C-alpha atoms as a PDB file:
ATOM      1  CA  MET A   1     -22.202-135.263 -20.858  1.00  0.00           C
ATOM      2  CA  LYS A   2     -21.904-138.174 -22.381  1.00  0.00           C
ATOM      3  CA  ARG A   3     -18.036-138.022 -22.142  1.00  0.00           C
ATOM      4  CA  ILE A   4     -17.888-137.736 -18.266  1.00  0.00           C
ATOM      5  CA  LEU A   5     -20.478-140.681 -17.950  1.00  0.00           C
ATOM      6  CA  ILE A   6     -18.480-142.421 -20.325  1.00  0.00           C
ATOM      7  CA  SER A   7     -15.848-141.842 -18.785  1.00  0.00           C
ATOM      8  CA  ILE A   8     -16.864-142.332 -14.860  1.00  0.00           C
ATOM      9  CA  VAL A   9     -17.841-146.450 -16.936  1.00  0.00           C
ATOM     10  CA  LEU A  10     -14.581-146.914 -17.463  1.00  0.00           C
ATOM     11  CA  GLN A  11     -13.218-146.210 -14.524  1.00  0.00           C
ATOM     12  CA  ILE A  12     -15.488-148.604 -12.932  1.00  0.00           C
ATOM     13  CA  LEU A  13     -14.908-151.835 -15.361  1.00  0.00           C
ATOM     14  CA  PHE A  14     -11.606-150.939 -14.559  1.00  0.00           C
ATOM     15  CA  VAL A  15     -10.267-149.655 -12.369  1.00  0.00           C
ATOM     16  CA  VAL A  16     -13.051-150.989  -9.101  1.00  0.00           C
ATOM     17  CA  PRO A  17     -12.391-155.007 -10.091  1.00  0.00           C
ATOM     18  CA  ILE A  18      -7.754-153.786  -9.998  1.00  0.00           C
ATOM     19  CA  VAL A  19      -8.229-152.562  -6.620  1.00  0.00           C
ATOM     20  CA  SER A  20     -10.974-155.308  -4.910  1.00  0.00           C
ATOM     21  CA  ASP A  21      -7.576-157.556  -6.989  1.00  0.00           C
ATOM     22  CA  ASN A  22      -5.183-155.859  -4.211  1.00  0.00           C
ATOM     23  CA  LEU A  23      -7.694-156.133  -1.958  1.00  0.00           C
ATOM     24  CA  ALA A  24      -8.458-159.566  -1.690  1.00  0.00           C
ATOM     25  CA  ASP A  25      -4.749-160.461  -2.464  1.00  0.00           C
ATOM     26  CA  VAL A  26      -3.779-158.352   1.040  1.00  0.00           C
ATOM     27  CA  GLN A  27      -6.505-160.438   2.157  1.00  0.00           C
ATOM     28  CA  ARG A  28      -4.917-164.428   0.860  1.00  0.00           C
ATOM     29  CA  GLY A  29      -1.993-163.082   2.151  1.00  0.00           C
ATOM     30  CA  ALA A  30      -1.490-162.260   5.551  1.00  0.00           C
ATOM     31  CA  LEU A  31      -4.374-162.483   7.654  1.00  0.00           C
ATOM     32  CA  VAL A  32      -4.994-159.328  10.468  1.00  0.00           C
ATOM     33  CA  ASN A  33      -5.372-160.074  13.733  1.00  0.00           C
ATOM     34  CA  VAL A  34      -6.274-156.024  16.144  1.00  0.00           C
ATOM     35  CA  ASN A  35      -4.356-158.183  19.199  1.00  0.00           C
ATOM     36  CA  ASP A  36      -0.672-158.387  19.195  1.00  0.00           C
ATOM     37  CA  SER A  37      -0.785-161.389  21.526  1.00  0.00           C
ATOM     38  CA  MET A  38      -2.035-163.919  17.903  1.00  0.00           C
ATOM     39  CA  VAL A  39      -0.703-162.343  15.234  1.00  0.00           C
ATOM     40  CA  SER A  40       3.126-161.353  14.649  1.00  0.00           C
ATOM     41  CA  MET A  41       4.468-159.478  11.723  1.00  0.00           C
ATOM     42  CA  ASN A  42       8.250-158.913  10.200  1.00  0.00           C
ATOM     43  CA  LEU A  43       8.231-156.512   8.077  1.00  0.00           C
ATOM     44  CA  GLY A  44      11.109-156.413   5.580  1.00  0.00           C
ATOM     45  CA  GLY A  45      11.239-154.445   2.494  1.00  0.00           C
ATOM     46  CA  ASP A  46       7.868-155.773   0.443  1.00  0.00           C
ATOM     47  CA  LYS A  47       7.775-159.205   2.942  1.00  0.00           C
ATOM     48  CA  THR A  48       5.908-160.253   5.138  1.00  0.00           C
ATOM     49  CA  SER A  49       5.412-163.624   7.096  1.00  0.00           C
ATOM     50  CA  VAL A  50       2.210-163.624  10.246  1.00  0.00           C
ATOM     51  CA  THR A  51       2.614-166.620  12.740  1.00  0.00           C
ATOM     52  CA  GLU A  52      -0.858-167.257  13.535  1.00  0.00           C
ATOM     53  CA  LYS A  53      -1.898-168.704  16.584  1.00  0.00           C
ATOM     54  CA  ASN A  54      -5.305-169.463  18.958  1.00  0.00           C
ATOM     55  CA  ASN A  55      -7.246-168.587  20.921  1.00  0.00           C
ATOM     56  CA  TRP A  56      -5.388-170.518  23.557  1.00  0.00           C
ATOM     57  CA  GLY A  57      -2.277-168.553  22.397  1.00  0.00           C
ATOM     58  CA  ALA A  58      -0.765-171.877  20.411  1.00  0.00           C
ATOM     59  CA  LYS A  59      -0.071-172.056  16.814  1.00  0.00           C
ATOM     60  CA  LEU A  60      -1.304-173.206  14.765  1.00  0.00           C
ATOM     61  CA  ILE A  61      -1.037-176.102  13.006  1.00  0.00           C
ATOM     62  CA  LYS A  62      -2.003-179.025  10.706  1.00  0.00           C
ATOM     63  CA  SER A  63      -5.197-181.066  12.992  1.00  0.00           C
ATOM     64  CA  PRO A  64      -4.529-185.308  13.831  1.00  0.00           C
ATOM     65  CA  PHE A  65      -7.586-185.479  13.726  1.00  0.00           C
ATOM     66  CA  GLY A  66      -9.341-187.509  11.298  1.00  0.00           C
ATOM     67  CA  LEU A  67     -13.349-188.036   9.797  1.00  0.00           C
ATOM     68  CA  GLY A  68     -14.902-190.721   8.465  1.00  0.00           C
ATOM     69  CA  LEU A  69     -18.466-191.796   6.985  1.00  0.00           C
ATOM     70  CA  ASP A  70     -18.344-195.090   5.398  1.00  0.00           C
ATOM     71  CA  LEU A  71     -21.675-196.746   4.195  1.00  0.00           C
ATOM     72  CA  GLN A  72     -22.473-201.080   3.322  1.00  0.00           C
ATOM     73  CA  SER A  73     -25.323-202.655   1.445  1.00  0.00           C
ATOM     74  CA  LYS A  74     -25.474-205.358   3.701  1.00  0.00           C
ATOM     75  CA  TYR A  75     -23.932-205.201   7.120  1.00  0.00           C
ATOM     76  CA  VAL A  76     -21.291-208.753   6.870  1.00  0.00           C
ATOM     77  CA  TRP A  77     -17.499-208.728   8.995  1.00  0.00           C
ATOM     78  CA  ARG A  78     -14.962-211.152   9.042  1.00  0.00           C
ATOM     79  CA  GLY A  79     -18.535-213.297   6.558  1.00  0.00           C
ATOM     80  CA  MET A  80     -20.426-212.857   9.955  1.00  0.00           C
ATOM     81  CA  GLU A  81     -23.859-211.217   8.430  1.00  0.00           C
ATOM     82  CA  MET A  82     -24.579-208.775  11.268  1.00  0.00           C
ATOM     83  CA  MET A  83     -28.043-208.092  10.561  1.00  0.00           C
ATOM     84  CA  PRO A  84     -29.364-211.851   9.375  1.00  0.00           C
ATOM     85  CA  ASP A  85     -33.162-210.463  10.047  1.00  0.00           C
ATOM     86  CA  GLU A  86     -34.461-206.921   8.831  1.00  0.00           C
ATOM     87  CA  SER A  87     -31.029-206.545   7.023  1.00  0.00           C
ATOM     88  CA  SER A  88     -30.718-203.040   5.891  1.00  0.00           C
ATOM     89  CA  PRO A  89     -28.056-200.943   5.479  1.00  0.00           C
ATOM     90  CA  VAL A  90     -25.628-199.504   7.811  1.00  0.00           C
ATOM     91  CA  VAL A  91     -23.570-196.380   8.033  1.00  0.00           C
ATOM     92  CA  PHE A  92     -20.549-195.972   9.669  1.00  0.00           C
ATOM     93  CA  PRO A  93     -19.139-192.037  11.326  1.00  0.00           C
ATOM     94  CA  SER A  94     -16.163-191.847  12.607  1.00  0.00           C
ATOM     95  CA  ILE A  95     -13.600-189.700  13.693  1.00  0.00           C
ATOM     96  CA  ASN A  96      -9.774-190.429  14.755  1.00  0.00           C
ATOM     97  CA  TYR A  97      -7.095-188.724  16.104  1.00  0.00           C
ATOM     98  CA  ALA A  98      -3.121-189.987  14.353  1.00  0.00           C
ATOM     99  CA  TRP A  99       0.570-189.486  15.293  1.00  0.00           C
ATOM    100  CA  ASN A 100       3.720-190.997  15.022  1.00  0.00           C
ATOM    101  CA  GLY A 101       1.994-194.600  14.420  1.00  0.00           C
ATOM    102  CA  LEU A 102      -0.885-194.319  16.918  1.00  0.00           C
ATOM    103  CA  TYR A 103      -4.710-194.823  15.966  1.00  0.00           C
ATOM    104  CA  VAL A 104      -7.209-193.609  18.515  1.00  0.00           C
ATOM    105  CA  TYR A 105     -10.644-193.607  17.157  1.00  0.00           C
ATOM    106  CA  VAL A 106     -14.062-193.778  17.829  1.00  0.00           C
ATOM    107  CA  MET A 107     -16.422-194.945  15.884  1.00  0.00           C
ATOM    108  CA  GLY A 108     -21.112-195.606  15.771  1.00  0.00           C
ATOM    109  CA  GLY A 109     -22.934-198.192  13.342  1.00  0.00           C
ATOM    110  CA  TYR A 110     -26.038-197.274  12.729  1.00  0.00           C
ATOM    111  CA  ALA A 111     -29.156-198.892  10.796  1.00  0.00           C
ATOM    112  CA  PHE A 112     -30.965-197.434   8.825  1.00  0.00           C
ATOM    113  CA  ASN A 113     -34.159-198.969   9.422  1.00  0.00           C
ATOM    114  CA  GLY A 114     -33.056-198.355  13.138  1.00  0.00           C
ATOM    115  CA  LYS A 115     -33.108-202.286  14.207  1.00  0.00           C
ATOM    116  CA  TYR A 116     -29.441-202.461  14.106  1.00  0.00           C
ATOM    117  CA  ALA A 117     -26.572-200.377  16.564  1.00  0.00           C
ATOM    118  CA  GLU A 118     -22.866-200.407  17.710  1.00  0.00           C
ATOM    119  CA  VAL A 119     -19.878-198.432  19.212  1.00  0.00           C
ATOM    120  CA  ASP A 120     -16.587-199.861  18.857  1.00  0.00           C
ATOM    121  CA  ALA A 121     -13.234-197.254  20.055  1.00  0.00           C
ATOM    122  CA  GLY A 122     -10.159-198.667  19.486  1.00  0.00           C
ATOM    123  CA  ILE A 123      -6.474-197.734  19.916  1.00  0.00           C
ATOM    124  CA  SER A 124      -4.282-199.571  17.742  1.00  0.00           C
ATOM    125  CA  TYR A 125       0.262-198.527  16.995  1.00  0.00           C
ATOM    126  CA  THR A 126       2.351-199.373  14.261  1.00  0.00           C
ATOM    127  CA  PHE A 127       5.879-200.250  13.439  1.00  0.00           C
ATOM    128  CA  ASN A 128       7.747-201.464  10.644  1.00  0.00           C
ATOM    129  CA  ASP A 129       5.511-203.687   8.604  1.00  0.00           C
ATOM    130  CA  PHE A 130       3.715-204.603  12.130  1.00  0.00           C
ATOM    131  CA  THR A 131       0.371-202.986  14.038  1.00  0.00           C
ATOM    132  CA  LEU A 132      -0.121-203.919  17.546  1.00  0.00           C
ATOM    133  CA  GLY A 133      -4.084-203.360  18.748  1.00  0.00           C
ATOM    134  CA  ILE A 134      -6.844-204.069  21.261  1.00  0.00           C
ATOM    135  CA  TYR A 135     -10.517-203.152  19.687  1.00  0.00           C
ATOM    136  CA  ASP A 136     -13.981-202.475  21.603  1.00  0.00           C
ATOM    137  CA  TYR A 137     -16.500-203.717  20.964  1.00  0.00           C
ATOM    138  CA  TYR A 138     -19.865-202.260  22.014  1.00  0.00           C
ATOM    139  CA  TYR A 139     -23.193-203.432  20.524  1.00  0.00           C
ATOM    140  CA  PRO A 140     -26.505-201.338  22.830  1.00  0.00           C
ATOM    141  CA  ILE A 141     -29.944-202.697  22.795  1.00  0.00           C
ATOM    142  CA  ILE A 142     -31.829-200.207  20.210  1.00  0.00           C
ATOM    143  CA  ASN A 143     -34.604-198.580  22.977  1.00  0.00           C
ATOM    144  CA  GLY A 144     -33.148-200.169  25.623  1.00  0.00           C
ATOM    145  CA  LYS A 145     -33.509-198.088  28.853  1.00  0.00           C
ATOM    146  CA  ASN A 146     -31.422-200.472  31.540  1.00  0.00           C
ATOM    147  CA  ASP A 147     -28.633-200.350  28.677  1.00  0.00           C
ATOM    148  CA  GLU A 148     -25.897-199.058  31.006  1.00  0.00           C
ATOM    149  CA  TYR A 149     -22.413-198.775  28.483  1.00  0.00           C
ATOM    150  CA  PHE A 150     -19.794-198.095  31.771  1.00  0.00           C
ATOM    151  CA  LYS A 151     -21.333-201.523  33.575  1.00  0.00           C
ATOM    152  CA  GLY A 152     -19.575-204.839  33.008  1.00  0.00           C
ATOM    153  CA  GLY A 153     -20.076-207.950  34.517  1.00  0.00           C
ATOM    154  CA  LYS A 154     -21.698-211.052  34.108  1.00  0.00           C
ATOM    155  CA  ASN A 155     -24.074-209.508  30.520  1.00  0.00           C
ATOM    156  CA  THR A 156     -21.827-206.806  29.909  1.00  0.00           C
ATOM    157  CA  GLY A 157     -22.582-206.419  26.145  1.00  0.00           C
ATOM    158  CA  HIS A 158     -18.553-205.216  24.888  1.00  0.00           C
ATOM    159  CA  TRP A 159     -16.628-207.304  23.002  1.00  0.00           C
ATOM    160  CA  LEU A 160     -12.559-206.622  23.909  1.00  0.00           C
ATOM    161  CA  GLU A 161     -10.308-208.156  21.687  1.00  0.00           C
ATOM    162  CA  ALA A 162      -6.452-207.962  20.885  1.00  0.00           C
ATOM    163  CA  ALA A 163      -4.809-208.338  17.210  1.00  0.00           C
ATOM    164  CA  ILE A 164      -1.792-208.271  15.312  1.00  0.00           C
ATOM    165  CA  THR A 165      -1.476-207.553  11.720  1.00  0.00           C
ATOM    166  CA  TYR A 166       1.139-207.832   9.402  1.00  0.00           C
ATOM    167  CA  CYS A 167       1.851-206.026   6.541  1.00  0.00           C
ATOM    168  CA  PRO A 168       4.919-205.093   4.996  1.00  0.00           C
ATOM    169  CA  LYS A 169       5.101-202.907   2.167  1.00  0.00           C
ATOM    170  CA  SER A 170       7.257-204.693  -0.015  1.00  0.00           C
ATOM    171  CA  ILE A 171       5.502-207.933  -0.895  1.00  0.00           C
ATOM    172  CA  PRO A 172       1.135-207.324  -1.312  1.00  0.00           C
ATOM    173  CA  ILE A 173       1.033-209.642   1.578  1.00  0.00           C
ATOM    174  CA  TRP A 174      -1.713-209.164   5.059  1.00  0.00           C
ATOM    175  CA  ALA A 175      -2.263-210.929   7.320  1.00  0.00           C
ATOM    176  CA  THR A 176      -4.360-210.451  11.083  1.00  0.00           C
ATOM    177  CA  ILE A 177      -4.812-212.752  13.836  1.00  0.00           C
ATOM    178  CA  SER A 178      -6.995-211.802  16.658  1.00  0.00           C
ATOM    179  CA  ASN A 179      -8.368-212.822  19.838  1.00  0.00           C
ATOM    180  CA  PHE A 180     -11.263-211.844  21.396  1.00  0.00           C
ATOM    181  CA  PHE A 181     -10.506-212.307  25.599  1.00  0.00           C
ATOM    182  CA  TYR A 182     -13.033-210.232  27.872  1.00  0.00           C
ATOM    183  CA  GLY A 183     -16.715-209.212  27.056  1.00  0.00           C
ATOM    184  CA  ALA A 184     -19.896-210.932  25.793  1.00  0.00           C
ATOM    185  CA  ASP A 185     -18.388-213.262  23.619  1.00  0.00           C
ATOM    186  CA  LYS A 186     -19.180-216.674  25.664  1.00  0.00           C
ATOM    187  CA  TYR A 187     -21.120-219.805  25.141  1.00  0.00           C
ATOM    188  CA  LEU A 188     -23.153-222.557  27.345  1.00  0.00           C
ATOM    189  CA  ASP A 189     -20.686-226.175  26.955  1.00  0.00           C
ATOM    190  CA  SER A 190     -22.333-229.780  27.497  1.00  0.00           C
ATOM    191  CA  LYS A 191     -23.266-229.271  31.125  1.00  0.00           C
ATOM    192  CA  GLY A 192     -25.400-225.525  30.709  1.00  0.00           C
ATOM    193  CA  LYS A 193     -22.914-224.021  31.837  1.00  0.00           C
ATOM    194  CA  GLU A 194     -21.621-220.194  30.657  1.00  0.00           C
ATOM    195  CA  LYS A 195     -17.828-220.045  29.509  1.00  0.00           C
ATOM    196  CA  GLN A 196     -15.481-218.021  27.596  1.00  0.00           C
ATOM    197  CA  ALA A 197     -15.170-219.087  24.320  1.00  0.00           C
ATOM    198  CA  TYR A 198     -11.544-216.986  23.628  1.00  0.00           C
ATOM    199  CA  SER A 199     -12.476-216.343  19.689  1.00  0.00           C
ATOM    200  CA  THR A 200      -9.931-216.356  17.526  1.00  0.00           C
ATOM    201  CA  TYR A 201      -9.566-215.679  13.989  1.00  0.00           C
ATOM    202  CA  LEU A 202      -6.703-215.456  11.287  1.00  0.00           C
ATOM    203  CA  GLU A 203      -7.413-212.962   8.256  1.00  0.00           C
ATOM    204  CA  VAL A 204      -4.897-213.928   5.221  1.00  0.00           C
ATOM    205  CA  GLY A 205      -4.550-211.772   2.231  1.00  0.00           C
ATOM    206  CA  SER A 206      -3.366-210.634  -1.381  1.00  0.00           C
ATOM    207  CA  TYR A 207      -4.523-207.498  -3.650  1.00  0.00           C
ATOM    208  CA  TYR A 208      -3.233-206.395  -7.571  1.00  0.00           C
ATOM    209  CA  ASP A 209      -3.259-202.381  -6.718  1.00  0.00           C
ATOM    210  CA  PHE A 210      -4.030-200.373 -10.611  1.00  0.00           C
ATOM    211  CA  LEU A 211      -3.706-196.674 -11.365  1.00  0.00           C
ATOM    212  CA  ASP A 212      -5.512-194.374  -9.383  1.00  0.00           C
ATOM    213  CA  SER A 213      -5.263-196.124  -6.170  1.00  0.00           C
ATOM    214  CA  ASN A 214      -7.871-198.980  -7.223  1.00  0.00           C
ATOM    215  CA  ARG A 215      -7.569-202.282  -6.100  1.00  0.00           C
ATOM    216  CA  LEU A 216      -8.716-205.368  -6.651  1.00  0.00           C
ATOM    217  CA  SER A 217      -8.231-207.966  -3.477  1.00  0.00           C
ATOM    218  CA  LEU A 218      -8.573-211.427  -2.168  1.00  0.00           C
ATOM    219  CA  ALA A 219      -8.764-212.258   1.867  1.00  0.00           C
ATOM    220  CA  VAL A 220      -9.442-215.760   2.999  1.00  0.00           C
ATOM    221  CA  GLY A 221      -9.909-215.741   7.129  1.00  0.00           C
ATOM    222  CA  ALA A 222     -10.197-218.905   9.240  1.00  0.00           C
ATOM    223  CA  ALA A 223     -11.595-219.581  12.526  1.00  0.00           C
ATOM    224  CA  PHE A 224      -9.024-221.544  14.751  1.00  0.00           C
ATOM    225  CA  ASN A 225     -12.185-222.709  17.513  1.00  0.00           C
ATOM    226  CA  LYS A 226     -15.360-222.738  18.408  1.00  0.00           C
ATOM    227  CA  SER A 227     -16.304-219.127  18.728  1.00  0.00           C
ATOM    228  CA  CYS A 228     -18.306-216.397  17.321  1.00  0.00           C
ATOM    229  CA  TYR A 229     -17.647-218.024  13.939  1.00  0.00           C
ATOM    230  CA  ASN A 230     -19.300-220.517  13.466  1.00  0.00           C
ATOM    231  CA  ASN A 231     -21.890-220.233  15.776  1.00  0.00           C
ATOM    232  CA  TYR A 232     -19.787-221.837  19.207  1.00  0.00           C
ATOM    233  CA  GLU A 233     -20.134-225.328  16.803  1.00  0.00           C
ATOM    234  CA  HIS A 234     -17.144-226.296  15.574  1.00  0.00           C
ATOM    235  CA  ASP A 235     -12.786-226.021  15.572  1.00  0.00           C
ATOM    236  CA  PHE A 236     -11.113-225.076  13.571  1.00  0.00           C
ATOM    237  CA  SER A 237     -12.944-223.894  10.370  1.00  0.00           C
ATOM    238  CA  VAL A 238     -13.053-221.136   7.128  1.00  0.00           C
ATOM    239  CA  CYS A 239     -15.395-219.479   7.095  1.00  0.00           C
ATOM    240  CA  ASN A 240     -15.385-216.366   4.836  1.00  0.00           C
ATOM    241  CA  ILE A 241     -13.605-216.009   1.252  1.00  0.00           C
ATOM    242  CA  GLU A 242     -13.838-212.743  -0.477  1.00  0.00           C
ATOM    243  CA  LEU A 243     -12.742-211.398  -3.669  1.00  0.00           C
ATOM    244  CA  LYS A 244     -13.545-207.639  -3.539  1.00  0.00           C
ATOM    245  CA  TYR A 245     -12.775-205.143  -5.961  1.00  0.00           C
ATOM    246  CA  GLN A 246     -12.417-200.613  -5.160  1.00  0.00           C
ATOM    247  CA  TYR A 247     -12.685-198.436  -7.380  1.00  0.00           C
ATOM    248  CA  ASN A 248     -11.363-195.249  -6.064  1.00  0.00           C
ATOM    249  CA  ILE A 249     -13.136-191.229  -6.998  1.00  0.00           C
ATOM    250  CA  SER A 250     -11.072-188.844  -6.439  1.00  0.00           C
ATOM    251  CA  PHE A 251     -11.925-185.037  -6.339  1.00  0.00           C
ATOM    252  CA  LYS A 252     -10.239-181.527  -6.609  1.00  0.00           C
ATOM    253  CA  ARG A 253      -7.871-180.329  -3.258  1.00  0.00           C
ATOM    254  CA  GLY A 254      -7.473-184.200  -2.966  1.00  0.00           C
ATOM    255  CA  LEU A 255     -11.001-185.536  -1.915  1.00  0.00           C
ATOM    256  CA  ASN A 256     -11.123-189.806  -2.381  1.00  0.00           C
ATOM    257  CA  ILE A 257     -13.625-191.700  -1.471  1.00  0.00           C
ATOM    258  CA  PRO A 258     -12.734-195.399  -2.579  1.00  0.00           C
ATOM    259  CA  VAL A 259     -15.918-197.447  -3.558  1.00  0.00           C
ATOM    260  CA  GLY A 260     -15.717-201.306  -3.491  1.00  0.00           C
ATOM    261  CA  ALA A 261     -18.143-204.308  -4.570  1.00  0.00           C
ATOM    262  CA  ALA A 262     -17.366-207.702  -2.836  1.00  0.00           C
ATOM    263  CA  PHE A 263     -18.638-211.689  -2.673  1.00  0.00           C
ATOM    264  CA  ILE A 264     -17.896-212.739   0.662  1.00  0.00           C
ATOM    265  CA  TYR A 265     -19.359-216.979   0.965  1.00  0.00           C
ATOM    266  CA  ASN A 266     -18.818-218.308   4.475  1.00  0.00           C
ATOM    267  CA  PRO A 267     -18.600-221.644   4.065  1.00  0.00           C
ATOM    268  CA  VAL A 268     -19.706-222.679   7.737  1.00  0.00           C
ATOM    269  CA  PHE A 269     -22.927-221.740   6.275  1.00  0.00           C
ATOM    270  CA  ASN A 270     -22.836-222.283   2.967  1.00  0.00           C
ATOM    271  CA  LYS A 271     -24.047-218.620   2.267  1.00  0.00           C
ATOM    272  CA  PRO A 272     -23.255-215.510  -0.485  1.00  0.00           C
ATOM    273  CA  PHE A 273     -23.152-212.092  -0.394  1.00  0.00           C
ATOM    274  CA  VAL A 274     -22.788-209.049  -2.434  1.00  0.00           C
ATOM    275  CA  ASN A 275     -21.721-205.702  -0.998  1.00  0.00           C
ATOM    276  CA  LEU A 276     -21.995-202.234  -2.155  1.00  0.00           C
ATOM    277  CA  THR A 277     -19.218-200.110   0.153  1.00  0.00           C
ATOM    278  CA  VAL A 278     -18.651-196.487  -0.052  1.00  0.00           C
ATOM    279  CA  ASN A 279     -15.660-194.543   2.134  1.00  0.00           C
ATOM    280  CA  VAL A 280     -15.260-190.997   3.148  1.00  0.00           C
ATOM    281  CA  ALA A 281     -12.127-189.682   4.878  1.00  0.00           C
ATOM    282  CA  PHE A 282     -11.362-186.169   5.956  1.00  0.00           C
END
């Protein structure tokens, strides 16, 4: 009786795991669906090829869509402090689509304290070393019932921008020039008449790369005219100087999380900032 029990135990310990491993290998090697329209199989010798299809009948491909989640300890953009009162960390969830140089995205910006909200969208196309883009920045009224996203006109909350960026692969520099050509970018002239400001911004920068995609960068930005970057009070003015170090945290399965710290100085308002950023992309 004792020998029989020992024999059964040995079979459980050694035979069952082998069977389980074989089943796992089969499951990993082929996904069999009873619906022949979903899975087609070509059996030849010991080889099995499986073509997977989605429930629309199309072949499964790698998704061109991506997700992002960014965090800033203090929301500073192009040298401007976006929340001068009741400042709070801001989180930016986003979804994007990329295909053959085309890039489309929508992104939100929401303060931890609920005092700020932003909804952005954009489309750009990259060819060679140039990127052309049209972007929409929208600032809804927090908890405002009269705010309408698709309403334009004089009181629109949209800021439409056209931009071009030059970023050569052979030289560690970049240059971006942008212009707000429509929307809420307005100011009052000396006669009290409201005018479109056409705020224009130029930024040039350079970077130095280290191992593991860590990077040190320096950027200088300037406003060309009386604009939102200088409170509509100056003509040409340097409004953004940013020195940033970005450290790349790598995980298994290719997940990377860039963490950056930047010292930012705005000469127009004589204001310094230190900002921490975390970027996650899927």
